[in-house]
Amino acid sequence: MKSVRLMENNPLRTLDALHVACAILWEADLFVSSDQRQIQAARKTGIKVRTV
């Protein structure tokens, strides 16, 4: 499961990992967040990120 792998490799909480995993699985064009842990995890996967 993608969210479990994200939590193993990043300091993410459960729901944060689910958000990033959904963005990966749905092939999102852009991931928008103000959570630095989510931003770092998304960037590691190659998703384009916008910080708010």
PDB file of N, CA and C in Angstrom:
ATOM      1  N   MET A   1       0.847  -1.176   0.000  1.00  0.00           N
ATOM      2  CA  MET A   1       0.000   0.000   0.000  1.00  0.00           C
ATOM      3  C   MET A   1       0.898   1.247   0.000  1.00  0.00           C
ATOM      4  N   LYS A   2       0.605   2.154  -0.880  1.00  0.00           N
ATOM      5  CA  LYS A   2       1.423   3.342  -1.075  1.00  0.00           C
ATOM      6  C   LYS A   2       1.527   4.190   0.192  1.00  0.00           C
ATOM      7  N   SER A   3       0.427   4.349   0.927  1.00  0.00           N
ATOM      8  CA  SER A   3       0.456   5.191   2.130  1.00  0.00           C
ATOM      9  C   SER A   3       1.363   4.605   3.212  1.00  0.00           C
ATOM     10  N   VAL A   4       1.409   3.293   3.311  1.00  0.00           N
ATOM     11  CA  VAL A   4       2.287   2.649   4.298  1.00  0.00           C
ATOM     12  C   VAL A   4       3.745   2.901   3.943  1.00  0.00           C
ATOM     13  N   ARG A   5       4.080   2.765   2.665  1.00  0.00           N
ATOM     14  CA  ARG A   5       5.450   3.036   2.231  1.00  0.00           C
ATOM     15  C   ARG A   5       5.842   4.485   2.484  1.00  0.00           C
ATOM     16  N   LEU A   6       4.906   5.393   2.259  1.00  0.00           N
ATOM     17  CA  LEU A   6       5.181   6.807   2.524  1.00  0.00           C
ATOM     18  C   LEU A   6       5.486   7.025   4.003  1.00  0.00           C
ATOM     19  N   MET A   7       4.735   6.374   4.876  1.00  0.00           N
ATOM     20  CA  MET A   7       4.957   6.527   6.318  1.00  0.00           C
ATOM     21  C   MET A   7       6.259   5.878   6.758  1.00  0.00           C
ATOM     22  N   GLU A   8       6.668   4.823   6.081  1.00  0.00           N
ATOM     23  CA  GLU A   8       7.934   4.166   6.414  1.00  0.00           C
ATOM     24  C   GLU A   8       9.133   5.039   6.041  1.00  0.00           C
ATOM     25  N   ASN A   9       8.977   5.842   4.988  1.00  0.00           N
ATOM     26  CA  ASN A   9      10.103   6.615   4.471  1.00  0.00           C
ATOM     27  C   ASN A   9      10.042   8.108   4.772  1.00  0.00           C
ATOM     28  N   ASN A  10       8.985   8.547   5.436  1.00  0.00           N
ATOM     29  CA  ASN A  10       8.801   9.964   5.744  1.00  0.00           C
ATOM     30  C   ASN A  10       8.141  10.111   7.111  1.00  0.00           C
ATOM     31  N   PRO A  11       8.397  11.209   7.786  1.00  0.00           N
ATOM     32  CA  PRO A  11       7.759  11.414   9.107  1.00  0.00           C
ATOM     33  C   PRO A  11       6.334  11.948   8.953  1.00  0.00           C
ATOM     34  N   LEU A  12       5.443  11.109   8.396  1.00  0.00           N
ATOM     35  CA  LEU A  12       4.066  11.514   8.132  1.00  0.00           C
ATOM     36  C   LEU A  12       3.096  10.885   9.117  1.00  0.00           C
ATOM     37  N   ARG A  13       2.024  11.617   9.389  1.00  0.00           N
ATOM     38  CA  ARG A  13       0.900  11.045  10.125  1.00  0.00           C
ATOM     39  C   ARG A  13       0.033  10.282   9.125  1.00  0.00           C
ATOM     40  N   THR A  14      -0.870   9.467   9.627  1.00  0.00           N
ATOM     41  CA  THR A  14      -1.671   8.588   8.783  1.00  0.00           C
ATOM     42  C   THR A  14      -2.447   9.340   7.712  1.00  0.00           C
ATOM     43  N   LEU A  15      -3.229  10.342   8.094  1.00  0.00           N
ATOM     44  CA  LEU A  15      -4.035  11.062   7.112  1.00  0.00           C
ATOM     45  C   LEU A  15      -3.178  11.845   6.127  1.00  0.00           C
ATOM     46  N   ASP A  16      -2.038  12.344   6.576  1.00  0.00           N
ATOM     47  CA  ASP A  16      -1.129  13.044   5.667  1.00  0.00           C
ATOM     48  C   ASP A  16      -0.588  12.082   4.612  1.00  0.00           C
ATOM     49  N   ALA A  17      -0.258  10.889   5.024  1.00  0.00           N
ATOM     50  CA  ALA A  17       0.227   9.881   4.078  1.00  0.00           C
ATOM     51  C   ALA A  17      -0.865   9.499   3.080  1.00  0.00           C
ATOM     52  N   LEU A  18      -2.106   9.420   3.541  1.00  0.00           N
ATOM     53  CA  LEU A  18      -3.213   9.114   2.640  1.00  0.00           C
ATOM     54  C   LEU A  18      -3.408  10.214   1.602  1.00  0.00           C
ATOM     55  N   HIS A  19      -3.278  11.463   2.014  1.00  0.00           N
ATOM     56  CA  HIS A  19      -3.421  12.575   1.069  1.00  0.00           C
ATOM     57  C   HIS A  19      -2.368  12.500  -0.028  1.00  0.00           C
ATOM     58  N   VAL A  20      -1.133  12.270   0.355  1.00  0.00           N
ATOM     59  CA  VAL A  20      -0.055  12.185  -0.633  1.00  0.00           C
ATOM     60  C   VAL A  20      -0.248  10.950  -1.513  1.00  0.00           C
ATOM     61  N   ALA A  21      -0.619   9.834  -0.919  1.00  0.00           N
ATOM     62  CA  ALA A  21      -0.834   8.602  -1.683  1.00  0.00           C
ATOM     63  C   ALA A  21      -1.951   8.783  -2.712  1.00  0.00           C
ATOM     64  N   CYS A  22      -3.020   9.463  -2.334  1.00  0.00           N
ATOM     65  CA  CYS A  22      -4.117   9.720  -3.279  1.00  0.00           C
ATOM     66  C   CYS A  22      -3.637  10.579  -4.436  1.00  0.00           C
ATOM     67  N   ALA A  23      -2.841  11.579  -4.140  1.00  0.00           N
ATOM     68  CA  ALA A  23      -2.305  12.438  -5.198  1.00  0.00           C
ATOM     69  C   ALA A  23      -1.450  11.622  -6.169  1.00  0.00           C
ATOM     70  N   ILE A  24      -0.685  10.691  -5.643  1.00  0.00           N
ATOM     71  CA  ILE A  24       0.156   9.834  -6.492  1.00  0.00           C
ATOM     72  C   ILE A  24      -0.721   8.928  -7.356  1.00  0.00           C
ATOM     73  N   LEU A  25      -1.671   8.243  -6.721  1.00  0.00           N
ATOM     74  CA  LEU A  25      -2.508   7.284  -7.443  1.00  0.00           C
ATOM     75  C   LEU A  25      -3.406   7.950  -8.475  1.00  0.00           C
ATOM     76  N   TRP A  26      -3.868   9.153  -8.197  1.00  0.00           N
ATOM     77  CA  TRP A  26      -4.735   9.870  -9.133  1.00  0.00           C
ATOM     78  C   TRP A  26      -3.933  10.700 -10.125  1.00  0.00           C
ATOM     79  N   GLU A  27      -2.604  10.594 -10.037  1.00  0.00           N
ATOM     80  CA  GLU A  27      -1.703  11.299 -10.941  1.00  0.00           C
ATOM     81  C   GLU A  27      -2.002  12.797 -10.984  1.00  0.00           C
ATOM     82  N   ALA A  28      -2.065  13.391  -9.808  1.00  0.00           N
ATOM     83  CA  ALA A  28      -2.357  14.823  -9.684  1.00  0.00           C
ATOM     84  C   ALA A  28      -1.284  15.651 -10.389  1.00  0.00           C
ATOM     85  N   ASP A  29      -1.716  16.723 -11.014  1.00  0.00           N
ATOM     86  CA  ASP A  29      -0.782  17.639 -11.668  1.00  0.00           C
ATOM     87  C   ASP A  29      -0.069  18.520 -10.657  1.00  0.00           C
ATOM     88  N   LEU A  30      -0.727  18.759  -9.520  1.00  0.00           N
ATOM     89  CA  LEU A  30      -0.184  19.671  -8.515  1.00  0.00           C
ATOM     90  C   LEU A  30      -0.673  19.255  -7.130  1.00  0.00           C
ATOM     91  N   PHE A  31       0.227  19.270  -6.164  1.00  0.00           N
ATOM     92  CA  PHE A  31      -0.118  18.980  -4.766  1.00  0.00           C
ATOM     93  C   PHE A  31       0.052  20.273  -3.986  1.00  0.00           C
ATOM     94  N   VAL A  32      -1.022  20.740  -3.357  1.00  0.00           N
ATOM     95  CA  VAL A  32      -0.994  22.001  -2.616  1.00  0.00           C
ATOM     96  C   VAL A  32      -1.146  21.699  -1.134  1.00  0.00           C
ATOM     97  N   SER A  33      -0.235  22.261  -0.327  1.00  0.00           N
ATOM     98  CA  SER A  33      -0.268  22.011   1.109  1.00  0.00           C
ATOM     99  C   SER A  33       0.494  23.095   1.852  1.00  0.00           C
ATOM    100  N   SER A  34       0.197  23.215   3.122  1.00  0.00           N
ATOM    101  CA  SER A  34       0.988  24.074   4.000  1.00  0.00           C
ATOM    102  C   SER A  34       1.756  23.237   5.023  1.00  0.00           C
ATOM    103  N   ASP A  35       1.577  21.931   4.956  1.00  0.00           N
ATOM    104  CA  ASP A  35       2.232  21.002   5.880  1.00  0.00           C
ATOM    105  C   ASP A  35       3.602  20.617   5.320  1.00  0.00           C
ATOM    106  N   GLN A  36       4.652  20.995   6.020  1.00  0.00           N
ATOM    107  CA  GLN A  36       6.013  20.756   5.517  1.00  0.00           C
ATOM    108  C   GLN A  36       6.336  19.279   5.348  1.00  0.00           C
ATOM    109  N   ARG A  37       5.805  18.430   6.201  1.00  0.00           N
ATOM    110  CA  ARG A  37       6.062  16.991   6.062  1.00  0.00           C
ATOM    111  C   ARG A  37       5.410  16.442   4.802  1.00  0.00           C
ATOM    112  N   GLN A  38       4.187  16.885   4.522  1.00  0.00           N
ATOM    113  CA  GLN A  38       3.516  16.467   3.286  1.00  0.00           C
ATOM    114  C   GLN A  38       4.282  16.967   2.068  1.00  0.00           C
ATOM    115  N   ILE A  39       4.700  18.209   2.124  1.00  0.00           N
ATOM    116  CA  ILE A  39       5.418  18.816   1.002  1.00  0.00           C
ATOM    117  C   ILE A  39       6.691  18.039   0.708  1.00  0.00           C
ATOM    118  N   GLN A  40       7.462  17.728   1.730  1.00  0.00           N
ATOM    119  CA  GLN A  40       8.709  16.976   1.527  1.00  0.00           C
ATOM    120  C   GLN A  40       8.434  15.591   0.949  1.00  0.00           C
ATOM    121  N   ALA A  41       7.433  14.904   1.482  1.00  0.00           N
ATOM    122  CA  ALA A  41       7.105  13.560   1.000  1.00  0.00           C
ATOM    123  C   ALA A  41       6.640  13.604  -0.452  1.00  0.00           C
ATOM    124  N   ALA A  42       5.802  14.574  -0.792  1.00  0.00           N
ATOM    125  CA  ALA A  42       5.310  14.694  -2.168  1.00  0.00           C
ATOM    126  C   ALA A  42       6.452  15.001  -3.121  1.00  0.00           C
ATOM    127  N   ARG A  43       7.331  15.893  -2.729  1.00  0.00           N
ATOM    128  CA  ARG A  43       8.474  16.230  -3.587  1.00  0.00           C
ATOM    129  C   ARG A  43       9.363  15.017  -3.830  1.00  0.00           C
ATOM    130  N   LYS A  44       9.556  14.193  -2.804  1.00  0.00           N
ATOM    131  CA  LYS A  44      10.379  12.984  -2.961  1.00  0.00           C
ATOM    132  C   LYS A  44       9.820  12.047  -4.025  1.00  0.00           C
ATOM    133  N   THR A  45       8.500  12.073  -4.189  1.00  0.00           N
ATOM    134  CA  THR A  45       7.871  11.183  -5.169  1.00  0.00           C
ATOM    135  C   THR A  45       7.838  11.791  -6.559  1.00  0.00           C
ATOM    136  N   GLY A  46       8.214  13.062  -6.668  1.00  0.00           N
ATOM    137  CA  GLY A  46       8.248  13.708  -7.975  1.00  0.00           C
ATOM    138  C   GLY A  46       7.008  14.511  -8.317  1.00  0.00           C
ATOM    139  N   ILE A  47       6.079  14.633  -7.384  1.00  0.00           N
ATOM    140  CA  ILE A  47       4.877  15.427  -7.625  1.00  0.00           C
ATOM    141  C   ILE A  47       5.248  16.910  -7.553  1.00  0.00           C
ATOM    142  N   LYS A  48       4.689  17.690  -8.457  1.00  0.00           N
ATOM    143  CA  LYS A  48       4.865  19.131  -8.420  1.00  0.00           C
ATOM    144  C   LYS A  48       4.102  19.668  -7.209  1.00  0.00           C
ATOM    145  N   VAL A  49       4.752  20.508  -6.405  1.00  0.00           N
ATOM    146  CA  VAL A  49       4.174  20.967  -5.137  1.00  0.00           C
ATOM    147  C   VAL A  49       4.076  22.487  -5.099  1.00  0.00           C
ATOM    148  N   ARG A  50       2.979  22.974  -4.545  1.00  0.00           N
ATOM    149  CA  ARG A  50       2.814  24.402  -4.297  1.00  0.00           C
ATOM    150  C   ARG A  50       2.546  24.569  -2.800  1.00  0.00           C
ATOM    151  N   THR A  51       3.312  25.448  -2.176  1.00  0.00           N
ATOM    152  CA  THR A  51       3.163  25.724  -0.749  1.00  0.00           C
ATOM    153  C   THR A  51       2.255  26.928  -0.547  1.00  0.00           C
ATOM    154  N   VAL A  52       1.336  26.808   0.405  1.00  0.00           N
ATOM    155  CA  VAL A  52       0.466  27.936   0.747  1.00  0.00           C
ATOM    156  C   VAL A  52       0.709  28.373   2.163  1.00  0.00           C
TER     157      VAL A  52
END
